Amino acid sequence: MVTFVPYGAELTTNQAADLLNVSRPHLIKLLNDQEIDFHKVGSHRRVKSEDVLAYKRKRDTARSSALDRMQQLGQEADAA
């Protein structure tokens, strides 16, 4: 699936959670833990699309590195 997000767009928490493919409660935890910047409009949180995409890139890079390491360890175990 491809999602187009205008640069500089402000996303609702539902939109940001959908973009990251996580639940809204998990996104709220990320916001409260200051993993992703946000600001409030009244009582509603708003997240900049570029901040969500930056977090997604960082998360995906970490996941890829972990999978590469697991693959390397598996190959080393098979060779032993």
PDB file of N, CA and C in Angstrom:
ATOM      1  N   MET A   1       0.836  -1.164   0.000  1.00  0.00           N
ATOM      2  CA  MET A   1       0.000   0.000   0.000  1.00  0.00           C
ATOM      3  C   MET A   1       0.895   1.245   0.000  1.00  0.00           C
ATOM      4  N   VAL A   2       0.492   2.244  -0.726  1.00  0.00           N
ATOM      5  CA  VAL A   2       1.220   3.502  -0.799  1.00  0.00           C
ATOM      6  C   VAL A   2       0.361   4.595  -0.175  1.00  0.00           C
ATOM      7  N   THR A   3       0.990   5.405   0.669  1.00  0.00           N
ATOM      8  CA  THR A   3       0.285   6.518   1.298  1.00  0.00           C
ATOM      9  C   THR A   3       1.010   7.794   0.946  1.00  0.00           C
ATOM     10  N   PHE A   4       0.282   8.757   0.439  1.00  0.00           N
ATOM     11  CA  PHE A   4       0.847  10.066   0.134  1.00  0.00           C
ATOM     12  C   PHE A   4       0.537  11.008   1.277  1.00  0.00           C
ATOM     13  N   VAL A   5       1.582  11.659   1.789  1.00  0.00           N
ATOM     14  CA  VAL A   5       1.416  12.616   2.877  1.00  0.00           C
ATOM     15  C   VAL A   5       2.067  13.910   2.441  1.00  0.00           C
ATOM     16  N   PRO A   6       1.317  14.997   2.390  1.00  0.00           N
ATOM     17  CA  PRO A   6       1.921  16.267   1.999  1.00  0.00           C
ATOM     18  C   PRO A   6       3.021  16.681   2.982  1.00  0.00           C
ATOM     19  N   TYR A   7       4.129  17.183   2.439  1.00  0.00           N
ATOM     20  CA  TYR A   7       5.225  17.637   3.286  1.00  0.00           C
ATOM     21  C   TYR A   7       4.725  18.777   4.169  1.00  0.00           C
ATOM     22  N   GLY A   8       5.030  18.708   5.448  1.00  0.00           N
ATOM     23  CA  GLY A   8       4.622  19.751   6.378  1.00  0.00           C
ATOM     24  C   GLY A   8       3.221  19.570   6.921  1.00  0.00           C
ATOM     25  N   ALA A   9       2.554  18.489   6.541  1.00  0.00           N
ATOM     26  CA  ALA A   9       1.190  18.257   7.020  1.00  0.00           C
ATOM     27  C   ALA A   9       1.214  17.936   8.509  1.00  0.00           C
ATOM     28  N   GLU A  10       0.168  18.362   9.180  1.00  0.00           N
ATOM     29  CA  GLU A  10      -0.017  17.990  10.575  1.00  0.00           C
ATOM     30  C   GLU A  10      -1.028  16.855  10.616  1.00  0.00           C
ATOM     31  N   LEU A  11      -0.675  15.803  11.310  1.00  0.00           N
ATOM     32  CA  LEU A  11      -1.506  14.606  11.362  1.00  0.00           C
ATOM     33  C   LEU A  11      -2.186  14.483  12.712  1.00  0.00           C
ATOM     34  N   THR A  12      -3.376  13.894  12.684  1.00  0.00           N
ATOM     35  CA  THR A  12      -4.020  13.521  13.936  1.00  0.00           C
ATOM     36  C   THR A  12      -3.316  12.285  14.468  1.00  0.00           C
ATOM     37  N   THR A  13      -3.607  11.925  15.702  1.00  0.00           N
ATOM     38  CA  THR A  13      -2.981  10.726  16.262  1.00  0.00           C
ATOM     39  C   THR A  13      -3.450   9.479  15.518  1.00  0.00           C
ATOM     40  N   ASN A  14      -4.688   9.461  15.065  1.00  0.00           N
ATOM     41  CA  ASN A  14      -5.170   8.309  14.278  1.00  0.00           C
ATOM     42  C   ASN A  14      -4.412   8.193  12.962  1.00  0.00           C
ATOM     43  N   GLN A  15      -4.220   9.303  12.278  1.00  0.00           N
ATOM     44  CA  GLN A  15      -3.499   9.284  11.006  1.00  0.00           C
ATOM     45  C   GLN A  15      -2.054   8.862  11.200  1.00  0.00           C
ATOM     46  N   ALA A  16      -1.408   9.388  12.244  1.00  0.00           N
ATOM     47  CA  ALA A  16      -0.012   9.035  12.515  1.00  0.00           C
ATOM     48  C   ALA A  16       0.116   7.557  12.873  1.00  0.00           C
ATOM     49  N   ALA A  17      -0.808   7.047  13.677  1.00  0.00           N
ATOM     50  CA  ALA A  17      -0.783   5.628  14.044  1.00  0.00           C
ATOM     51  C   ALA A  17      -0.964   4.762  12.806  1.00  0.00           C
ATOM     52  N   ASP A  18      -1.870   5.156  11.921  1.00  0.00           N
ATOM     53  CA  ASP A  18      -2.078   4.400  10.683  1.00  0.00           C
ATOM     54  C   ASP A  18      -0.817   4.409   9.822  1.00  0.00           C
ATOM     55  N   LEU A  19      -0.152   5.546   9.746  1.00  0.00           N
ATOM     56  CA  LEU A  19       1.062   5.662   8.936  1.00  0.00           C
ATOM     57  C   LEU A  19       2.170   4.748   9.470  1.00  0.00           C
ATOM     58  N   LEU A  20       2.240   4.610  10.787  1.00  0.00           N
ATOM     59  CA  LEU A  20       3.254   3.760  11.411  1.00  0.00           C
ATOM     60  C   LEU A  20       2.798   2.302  11.547  1.00  0.00           C
ATOM     61  N   ASN A  21       1.519   2.068  11.244  1.00  0.00           N
ATOM     62  CA  ASN A  21       0.935   0.737  11.395  1.00  0.00           C
ATOM     63  C   ASN A  21       1.021   0.254  12.840  1.00  0.00           C
ATOM     64  N   VAL A  22       0.682   1.136  13.762  1.00  0.00           N
ATOM     65  CA  VAL A  22       0.628   0.813  15.186  1.00  0.00           C
ATOM     66  C   VAL A  22      -0.730   1.246  15.718  1.00  0.00           C
ATOM     67  N   SER A  23      -1.060   0.812  16.912  1.00  0.00           N
ATOM     68  CA  SER A  23      -2.318   1.236  17.524  1.00  0.00           C
ATOM     69  C   SER A  23      -2.197   2.683  18.005  1.00  0.00           C
ATOM     70  N   ARG A  24      -3.338   3.331  18.144  1.00  0.00           N
ATOM     71  CA  ARG A  24      -3.333   4.704  18.648  1.00  0.00           C
ATOM     72  C   ARG A  24      -2.771   4.760  20.079  1.00  0.00           C
ATOM     73  N   PRO A  25      -3.151   3.824  20.982  1.00  0.00           N
ATOM     74  CA  PRO A  25      -2.548   3.854  22.329  1.00  0.00           C
ATOM     75  C   PRO A  25      -1.025   3.724  22.305  1.00  0.00           C
ATOM     76  N   HIS A  26      -0.498   2.909  21.388  1.00  0.00           N
ATOM     77  CA  HIS A  26       0.965   2.775  21.285  1.00  0.00           C
ATOM     78  C   HIS A  26       1.574   4.097  20.814  1.00  0.00           C
ATOM     79  N   LEU A  27       0.937   4.750  19.857  1.00  0.00           N
ATOM     80  CA  LEU A  27       1.432   6.047  19.389  1.00  0.00           C
ATOM     81  C   LEU A  27       1.426   7.061  20.527  1.00  0.00           C
ATOM     82  N   ILE A  28       0.359   7.088  21.323  1.00  0.00           N
ATOM     83  CA  ILE A  28       0.277   8.021  22.451  1.00  0.00           C
ATOM     84  C   ILE A  28       1.430   7.763  23.413  1.00  0.00           C
ATOM     85  N   LYS A  29       1.777   6.482  23.637  1.00  0.00           N
ATOM     86  CA  LYS A  29       2.924   6.157  24.494  1.00  0.00           C
ATOM     87  C   LYS A  29       4.204   6.719  23.897  1.00  0.00           C
ATOM     88  N   LEU A  30       4.384   6.575  22.575  1.00  0.00           N
ATOM     89  CA  LEU A  30       5.572   7.134  21.919  1.00  0.00           C
ATOM     90  C   LEU A  30       5.628   8.649  22.091  1.00  0.00           C
ATOM     91  N   LEU A  31       4.489   9.306  21.975  1.00  0.00           N
ATOM     92  CA  LEU A  31       4.444  10.761  22.145  1.00  0.00           C
ATOM     93  C   LEU A  31       4.783  11.142  23.578  1.00  0.00           C
ATOM     94  N   ASN A  32       4.176  10.441  24.544  1.00  0.00           N
ATOM     95  CA  ASN A  32       4.429  10.744  25.956  1.00  0.00           C
ATOM     96  C   ASN A  32       5.872  10.450  26.361  1.00  0.00           C
ATOM     97  N   ASP A  33       6.480   9.451  25.709  1.00  0.00           N
ATOM     98  CA  ASP A  33       7.888   9.110  25.977  1.00  0.00           C
ATOM     99  C   ASP A  33       8.850  10.004  25.183  1.00  0.00           C
ATOM    100  N   GLN A  34       8.305  10.980  24.463  1.00  0.00           N
ATOM    101  CA  GLN A  34       9.067  11.943  23.668  1.00  0.00           C
ATOM    102  C   GLN A  34       9.883  11.285  22.559  1.00  0.00           C
ATOM    103  N   GLU A  35       9.383  10.156  22.042  1.00  0.00           N
ATOM    104  CA  GLU A  35      10.013   9.510  20.892  1.00  0.00           C
ATOM    105  C   GLU A  35       9.693  10.292  19.614  1.00  0.00           C
ATOM    106  N   ILE A  36       8.516  10.923  19.601  1.00  0.00           N
ATOM    107  CA  ILE A  36       8.066  11.722  18.462  1.00  0.00           C
ATOM    108  C   ILE A  36       7.537  13.042  19.025  1.00  0.00           C
ATOM    109  N   ASP A  37       7.962  14.153  18.413  1.00  0.00           N
ATOM    110  CA  ASP A  37       7.488  15.462  18.849  1.00  0.00           C
ATOM    111  C   ASP A  37       6.027  15.660  18.473  1.00  0.00           C
ATOM    112  N   PHE A  38       5.316  16.437  19.279  1.00  0.00           N
ATOM    113  CA  PHE A  38       3.936  16.784  18.974  1.00  0.00           C
ATOM    114  C   PHE A  38       3.612  18.112  19.640  1.00  0.00           C
ATOM    115  N   HIS A  39       2.509  18.676  19.262  1.00  0.00           N
ATOM    116  CA  HIS A  39       1.993  19.858  19.954  1.00  0.00           C
ATOM    117  C   HIS A  39       0.492  19.694  20.074  1.00  0.00           C
ATOM    118  N   LYS A  40      -0.093  20.499  20.929  1.00  0.00           N
ATOM    119  CA  LYS A  40      -1.526  20.386  21.157  1.00  0.00           C
ATOM    120  C   LYS A  40      -2.264  21.533  20.493  1.00  0.00           C
ATOM    121  N   VAL A  41      -3.408  21.204  19.942  1.00  0.00           N
ATOM    122  CA  VAL A  41      -4.354  22.182  19.426  1.00  0.00           C
ATOM    123  C   VAL A  41      -5.599  21.982  20.276  1.00  0.00           C
ATOM    124  N   GLY A  42      -5.769  22.852  21.248  1.00  0.00           N
ATOM    125  CA  GLY A  42      -6.809  22.620  22.242  1.00  0.00           C
ATOM    126  C   GLY A  42      -6.401  21.422  23.071  1.00  0.00           C
ATOM    127  N   SER A  43      -7.253  20.412  23.101  1.00  0.00           N
ATOM    128  CA  SER A  43      -6.920  19.196  23.850  1.00  0.00           C
ATOM    129  C   SER A  43      -6.439  18.070  22.928  1.00  0.00           C
ATOM    130  N   HIS A  44      -6.311  18.365  21.634  1.00  0.00           N
ATOM    131  CA  HIS A  44      -5.926  17.354  20.654  1.00  0.00           C
ATOM    132  C   HIS A  44      -4.442  17.444  20.308  1.00  0.00           C
ATOM    133  N   ARG A  45      -3.809  16.276  20.205  1.00  0.00           N
ATOM    134  CA  ARG A  45      -2.401  16.226  19.804  1.00  0.00           C
ATOM    135  C   ARG A  45      -2.314  16.265  18.284  1.00  0.00           C
ATOM    136  N   ARG A  46      -1.297  16.976  17.797  1.00  0.00           N
ATOM    137  CA  ARG A  46      -1.003  17.015  16.363  1.00  0.00           C
ATOM    138  C   ARG A  46       0.469  16.688  16.184  1.00  0.00           C
ATOM    139  N   VAL A  47       0.755  15.926  15.136  1.00  0.00           N
ATOM    140  CA  VAL A  47       2.107  15.452  14.878  1.00  0.00           C
ATOM    141  C   VAL A  47       2.487  15.863  13.457  1.00  0.00           C
ATOM    142  N   LYS A  48       3.685  16.401  13.291  1.00  0.00           N
ATOM    143  CA  LYS A  48       4.151  16.760  11.955  1.00  0.00           C
ATOM    144  C   LYS A  48       4.496  15.489  11.185  1.00  0.00           C
ATOM    145  N   SER A  49       4.092  15.463   9.929  1.00  0.00           N
ATOM    146  CA  SER A  49       4.332  14.265   9.114  1.00  0.00           C
ATOM    147  C   SER A  49       5.819  13.948   9.021  1.00  0.00           C
ATOM    148  N   GLU A  50       6.667  14.973   8.910  1.00  0.00           N
ATOM    149  CA  GLU A  50       8.101  14.692   8.790  1.00  0.00           C
ATOM    150  C   GLU A  50       8.666  14.068  10.063  1.00  0.00           C
ATOM    151  N   ASP A  51       8.097  14.395  11.235  1.00  0.00           N
ATOM    152  CA  ASP A  51       8.547  13.778  12.482  1.00  0.00           C
ATOM    153  C   ASP A  51       8.138  12.303  12.532  1.00  0.00           C
ATOM    154  N   VAL A  52       6.929  12.013  12.056  1.00  0.00           N
ATOM    155  CA  VAL A  52       6.463  10.624  12.016  1.00  0.00           C
ATOM    156  C   VAL A  52       7.320   9.817  11.041  1.00  0.00           C
ATOM    157  N   LEU A  53       7.596  10.377   9.878  1.00  0.00           N
ATOM    158  CA  LEU A  53       8.394   9.666   8.881  1.00  0.00           C
ATOM    159  C   LEU A  53       9.840   9.481   9.338  1.00  0.00           C
ATOM    160  N   ALA A  54      10.380  10.456  10.058  1.00  0.00           N
ATOM    161  CA  ALA A  54      11.742  10.321  10.595  1.00  0.00           C
ATOM    162  C   ALA A  54      11.788   9.192  11.625  1.00  0.00           C
ATOM    163  N   TYR A  55      10.784   9.126  12.498  1.00  0.00           N
ATOM    164  CA  TYR A  55      10.719   8.041  13.470  1.00  0.00           C
ATOM    165  C   TYR A  55      10.606   6.698  12.761  1.00  0.00           C
ATOM    166  N   LYS A  56       9.778   6.635  11.718  1.00  0.00           N
ATOM    167  CA  LYS A  56       9.582   5.396  10.962  1.00  0.00           C
ATOM    168  C   LYS A  56      10.898   4.933  10.327  1.00  0.00           C
ATOM    169  N   ARG A  57      11.649   5.866   9.742  1.00  0.00           N
ATOM    170  CA  ARG A  57      12.948   5.509   9.152  1.00  0.00           C
ATOM    171  C   ARG A  57      13.892   4.964  10.214  1.00  0.00           C
ATOM    172  N   LYS A  58      13.952   5.636  11.368  1.00  0.00           N
ATOM    173  CA  LYS A  58      14.827   5.213  12.461  1.00  0.00           C
ATOM    174  C   LYS A  58      14.428   3.822  12.956  1.00  0.00           C
ATOM    175  N   ARG A  59      13.129   3.602  13.131  1.00  0.00           N
ATOM    176  CA  ARG A  59      12.623   2.312  13.596  1.00  0.00           C
ATOM    177  C   ARG A  59      12.923   1.217  12.579  1.00  0.00           C
ATOM    178  N   ASP A  60      12.677   1.493  11.319  1.00  0.00           N
ATOM    179  CA  ASP A  60      12.898   0.491  10.277  1.00  0.00           C
ATOM    180  C   ASP A  60      14.374   0.147  10.129  1.00  0.00           C
ATOM    181  N   THR A  61      15.258   1.140  10.274  1.00  0.00           N
ATOM    182  CA  THR A  61      16.698   0.891  10.218  1.00  0.00           C
ATOM    183  C   THR A  61      17.135   0.007  11.378  1.00  0.00           C
ATOM    184  N   ALA A  62      16.619   0.279  12.573  1.00  0.00           N
ATOM    185  CA  ALA A  62      16.960  -0.529  13.745  1.00  0.00           C
ATOM    186  C   ALA A  62      16.466  -1.964  13.573  1.00  0.00           C
ATOM    187  N   ARG A  63      15.258  -2.123  13.045  1.00  0.00           N
ATOM    188  CA  ARG A  63      14.720  -3.464  12.813  1.00  0.00           C
ATOM    189  C   ARG A  63      15.561  -4.221  11.795  1.00  0.00           C
ATOM    190  N   SER A  64      15.938  -3.552  10.737  1.00  0.00           N
ATOM    191  CA  SER A  64      16.738  -4.189   9.695  1.00  0.00           C
ATOM    192  C   SER A  64      18.091  -4.627  10.243  1.00  0.00           C
ATOM    193  N   SER A  65      18.709  -3.774  11.046  1.00  0.00           N
ATOM    194  CA  SER A  65      20.003  -4.125  11.650  1.00  0.00           C
ATOM    195  C   SER A  65      19.866  -5.329  12.569  1.00  0.00           C
ATOM    196  N   ALA A  66      18.790  -5.365  13.348  1.00  0.00           N
ATOM    197  CA  ALA A  66      18.565  -6.488  14.259  1.00  0.00           C
ATOM    198  C   ALA A  66      18.348  -7.778  13.474  1.00  0.00           C
ATOM    199  N   LEU A  67      17.598  -7.715  12.389  1.00  0.00           N
ATOM    200  CA  LEU A  67      17.377  -8.909  11.566  1.00  0.00           C
ATOM    201  C   LEU A  67      18.662  -9.380  10.906  1.00  0.00           C
ATOM    202  N   ASP A  68      19.478  -8.436  10.445  1.00  0.00           N
ATOM    203  CA  ASP A  68      20.768  -8.802   9.858  1.00  0.00           C
ATOM    204  C   ASP A  68      21.642  -9.504  10.890  1.00  0.00           C
ATOM    205  N   ARG A  69      21.645  -8.999  12.108  1.00  0.00           N
ATOM    206  CA  ARG A  69      22.452  -9.592  13.180  1.00  0.00           C
ATOM    207  C   ARG A  69      21.951 -10.994  13.519  1.00  0.00           C
ATOM    208  N   MET A  70      20.625 -11.159  13.561  1.00  0.00           N
ATOM    209  CA  MET A  70      20.057 -12.475  13.839  1.00  0.00           C
ATOM    210  C   MET A  70      20.427 -13.469  12.741  1.00  0.00           C
ATOM    211  N   GLN A  71      20.403 -13.016  11.499  1.00  0.00           N
ATOM    212  CA  GLN A  71      20.776 -13.880  10.379  1.00  0.00           C
ATOM    213  C   GLN A  71      22.246 -14.285  10.485  1.00  0.00           C
ATOM    214  N   GLN A  72      23.091 -13.324  10.836  1.00  0.00           N
ATOM    215  CA  GLN A  72      24.515 -13.600  10.987  1.00  0.00           C
ATOM    216  C   GLN A  72      24.747 -14.619  12.101  1.00  0.00           C
ATOM    217  N   LEU A  73      24.065 -14.444  13.226  1.00  0.00           N
ATOM    218  CA  LEU A  73      24.219 -15.395  14.340  1.00  0.00           C
ATOM    219  C   LEU A  73      23.729 -16.781  13.945  1.00  0.00           C
ATOM    220  N   GLY A  74      22.644 -16.835  13.156  1.00  0.00           N
ATOM    221  CA  GLY A  74      22.139 -18.130  12.702  1.00  0.00           C
ATOM    222  C   GLY A  74      23.130 -18.830  11.798  1.00  0.00           C
ATOM    223  N   GLN A  75      23.768 -18.083  10.907  1.00  0.00           N
ATOM    224  CA  GLN A  75      24.765 -18.671  10.015  1.00  0.00           C
ATOM    225  C   GLN A  75      25.982 -19.143  10.783  1.00  0.00           C
ATOM    226  N   GLU A  76      26.372 -18.365  11.797  1.00  0.00           N
ATOM    227  CA  GLU A  76      27.511 -18.769  12.613  1.00  0.00           C
ATOM    228  C   GLU A  76      27.190 -20.055  13.390  1.00  0.00           C
ATOM    229  N   ALA A  77      25.969 -20.166  13.865  1.00  0.00           N
ATOM    230  CA  ALA A  77      25.555 -21.360  14.615  1.00  0.00           C
ATOM    231  C   ALA A  77      25.512 -22.588  13.687  1.00  0.00           C
ATOM    232  N   ASP A  78      25.058 -22.376  12.454  1.00  0.00           N
ATOM    233  CA  ASP A  78      25.018 -23.493  11.498  1.00  0.00           C
ATOM    234  C   ASP A  78      26.414 -23.953  11.120  1.00  0.00           C
ATOM    235  N   ALA A  79      27.369 -23.029  11.089  1.00  0.00           N
ATOM    236  CA  ALA A  79      28.735 -23.373  10.697  1.00  0.00           C
ATOM    237  C   ALA A  79      29.471 -24.105  11.814  1.00  0.00           C
ATOM    238  N   ALA A  80      29.017 -23.948  13.032  1.00  0.00           N
ATOM    239  CA  ALA A  80      29.716 -24.552  14.179  1.00  0.00           C
ATOM    240  C   ALA A  80      29.394 -26.004  14.367  1.00  0.00           C
TER     241      ALA A  80
END
